Protein backbone atom coordinates (compact mmCIF):
# COMPACT_ATOMS: atom_id res chain seq x y z
CA UNK A 1 0.10 -0.10 -0.22
CA UNK A 2 0.84 3.36 -1.21
CA UNK A 3 0.32 4.62 2.55
CA UNK A 4 3.07 2.51 4.70
CA UNK A 5 6.63 3.04 4.98
CA UNK A 6 9.25 0.77 5.86
CA UNK A 7 12.42 1.99 8.75
CA UNK A 8 14.96 -0.13 9.55
CA UNK A 9 17.07 0.68 12.24
CA UNK A 10 20.55 -0.85 13.05
CA UNK A 11 21.47 -1.46 16.80
CA UNK A 12 24.66 -1.76 18.25
CA UNK A 13 23.82 -3.04 22.41
CA UNK A 14 26.69 -1.79 24.65
CA UNK A 15 28.41 -3.23 27.85
CA UNK A 16 25.79 -3.16 30.62
CA UNK A 17 27.72 -4.39 33.14
CA UNK A 18 30.87 -6.72 34.77
CA UNK A 19 31.90 -9.67 36.86
CA UNK A 20 35.01 -9.04 38.36
CA UNK A 21 37.37 -11.67 40.61
CA UNK A 22 40.61 -10.40 43.22
CA UNK A 23 42.99 -11.72 45.25
CA UNK A 24 45.12 -9.49 47.36
CA UNK A 25 47.35 -9.55 50.35
CA UNK A 26 48.03 -7.14 53.15
CA UNK A 27 50.18 -7.00 56.34
CA UNK A 28 46.74 -6.28 58.13
CA UNK A 29 44.54 -9.23 57.25
CA UNK A 30 46.16 -11.39 54.76
CA UNK A 31 45.26 -12.93 51.94
CA UNK A 32 41.73 -12.08 50.36
CA UNK A 33 39.92 -12.92 47.46
CA UNK A 34 36.73 -11.61 45.94
CA UNK A 35 34.41 -11.61 43.44
CA UNK A 36 31.36 -9.72 41.85
CA UNK A 37 28.86 -8.94 39.26
CA UNK A 38 27.44 -5.11 38.42
CA UNK A 39 24.49 -5.52 35.65
CA UNK A 40 22.64 -2.44 34.62
CA UNK A 41 20.20 -4.44 32.60
CA UNK A 42 20.40 -8.02 34.01
CA UNK A 43 18.91 -10.74 31.58
CA UNK A 44 17.68 -8.00 29.12
CA UNK A 45 14.80 -7.00 31.79
CA UNK A 46 16.53 -3.55 32.67
CA UNK A 47 17.04 -4.27 36.51
CA UNK A 48 19.89 -3.74 38.17
CA UNK A 49 21.64 -6.43 40.32
CA UNK A 50 25.08 -5.26 42.15
CA UNK A 51 26.62 -8.48 44.22
CA UNK A 52 29.77 -8.57 45.99
CA UNK A 53 31.97 -10.81 47.89
CA UNK A 54 35.05 -10.60 50.09
CA UNK A 55 37.09 -12.96 52.30
CA UNK A 56 40.13 -13.18 54.30
CA UNK A 57 41.49 -14.47 57.67
CA UNK A 58 40.49 -11.46 59.55
CA UNK A 59 36.91 -9.82 57.29
CA UNK A 60 34.47 -11.16 55.54
CA UNK A 61 32.06 -8.82 53.70
CA UNK A 62 28.97 -9.42 51.54
CA UNK A 63 26.65 -7.39 49.60
CA UNK A 64 23.89 -7.89 47.63
CA UNK A 65 21.32 -4.66 45.52
CA UNK A 66 18.86 -5.22 43.34
CA UNK A 67 16.23 -2.60 41.31
CA UNK A 68 13.31 -3.65 39.62
CA UNK A 69 13.12 0.68 38.15
CA UNK A 70 9.55 -0.33 36.20
CA UNK A 71 7.60 -2.19 39.07
CA UNK A 72 4.20 -1.24 37.93
CA UNK A 73 2.29 0.36 35.11
CA UNK A 74 3.43 3.94 36.56
CA UNK A 75 6.32 3.95 36.85
CA UNK A 76 7.41 3.18 39.92
CA UNK A 77 10.62 1.48 41.05
CA UNK A 78 11.34 -0.79 44.25
CA UNK A 79 15.42 -1.61 45.63
CA UNK A 80 16.25 -4.10 47.92
CA UNK A 81 19.51 -4.21 49.65
CA UNK A 82 21.65 -5.97 51.93
CA UNK A 83 25.08 -6.00 53.62
CA UNK A 84 27.07 -8.06 55.97
CA UNK A 85 30.06 -7.56 57.59
CA UNK A 86 32.69 -8.86 59.97
CA UNK A 87 35.84 -8.02 61.05
CA UNK A 88 37.96 -10.33 63.38
CA UNK A 89 41.19 -8.09 63.94
CA UNK A 90 42.38 -10.14 66.82
CA UNK A 91 44.98 -11.92 64.45
CA UNK A 92 46.90 -9.58 62.96
CA UNK A 93 47.04 -6.84 66.12
CA UNK A 94 47.12 -6.58 70.00
CA UNK A 95 44.79 -3.67 70.13
CA UNK A 96 42.59 -5.43 67.54
CA UNK A 97 38.69 -4.51 66.91
CA UNK A 98 35.47 -6.63 66.16
CA UNK A 99 33.11 -5.54 63.95
CA UNK A 100 29.90 -7.49 63.01
CA UNK A 101 27.31 -5.45 60.98
CA UNK A 102 24.50 -6.24 58.71
CA UNK A 103 21.85 -3.68 56.89
CA UNK A 104 19.00 -4.97 55.04
CA UNK A 105 17.66 -1.57 52.49
CA UNK A 106 13.85 -1.67 50.87
CA UNK A 107 13.31 1.72 49.19
CA UNK A 108 10.37 2.21 46.92
CA UNK A 109 10.07 5.15 44.92
CA UNK A 110 6.25 5.73 44.82
CA UNK A 111 5.72 6.00 48.16
CA UNK A 112 7.19 9.96 47.84
CA UNK A 113 5.03 10.48 44.51
CA UNK A 114 1.82 8.96 46.89
CA UNK A 115 2.73 11.31 49.60
CA UNK A 116 2.88 14.95 47.49
CA UNK A 117 0.12 14.14 45.28
CA UNK A 118 -0.94 13.56 48.94
CA UNK A 119 -0.18 17.41 49.87
CA UNK A 120 -2.84 19.93 49.13
CA UNK A 121 -1.16 23.14 47.14
């Protein structure tokens, strides 16, 4: 038909994330191993995933973060995260310290939008 036109697009994808592995040594903590992933478009879904793990004789750290930027049809986002850190410096110093920390995160973008919509103008 004369009222239709074909349009061709050439799409080139770019990198959206990275995977990492590490090994290090320090006088304070000894040998440490690590692994992580940072991805802004996990499985082509548009969701963000970040995860890291670090292990050594005197410390362990793990973190996880996930965000869905389009949680529902109204454009609201939801984020979930967790962070766990354990440091026991007894092995490396006489005047040592110990840290045991756990942080959980639940974040939504629509709560602020709902509050602003309810505020009188």
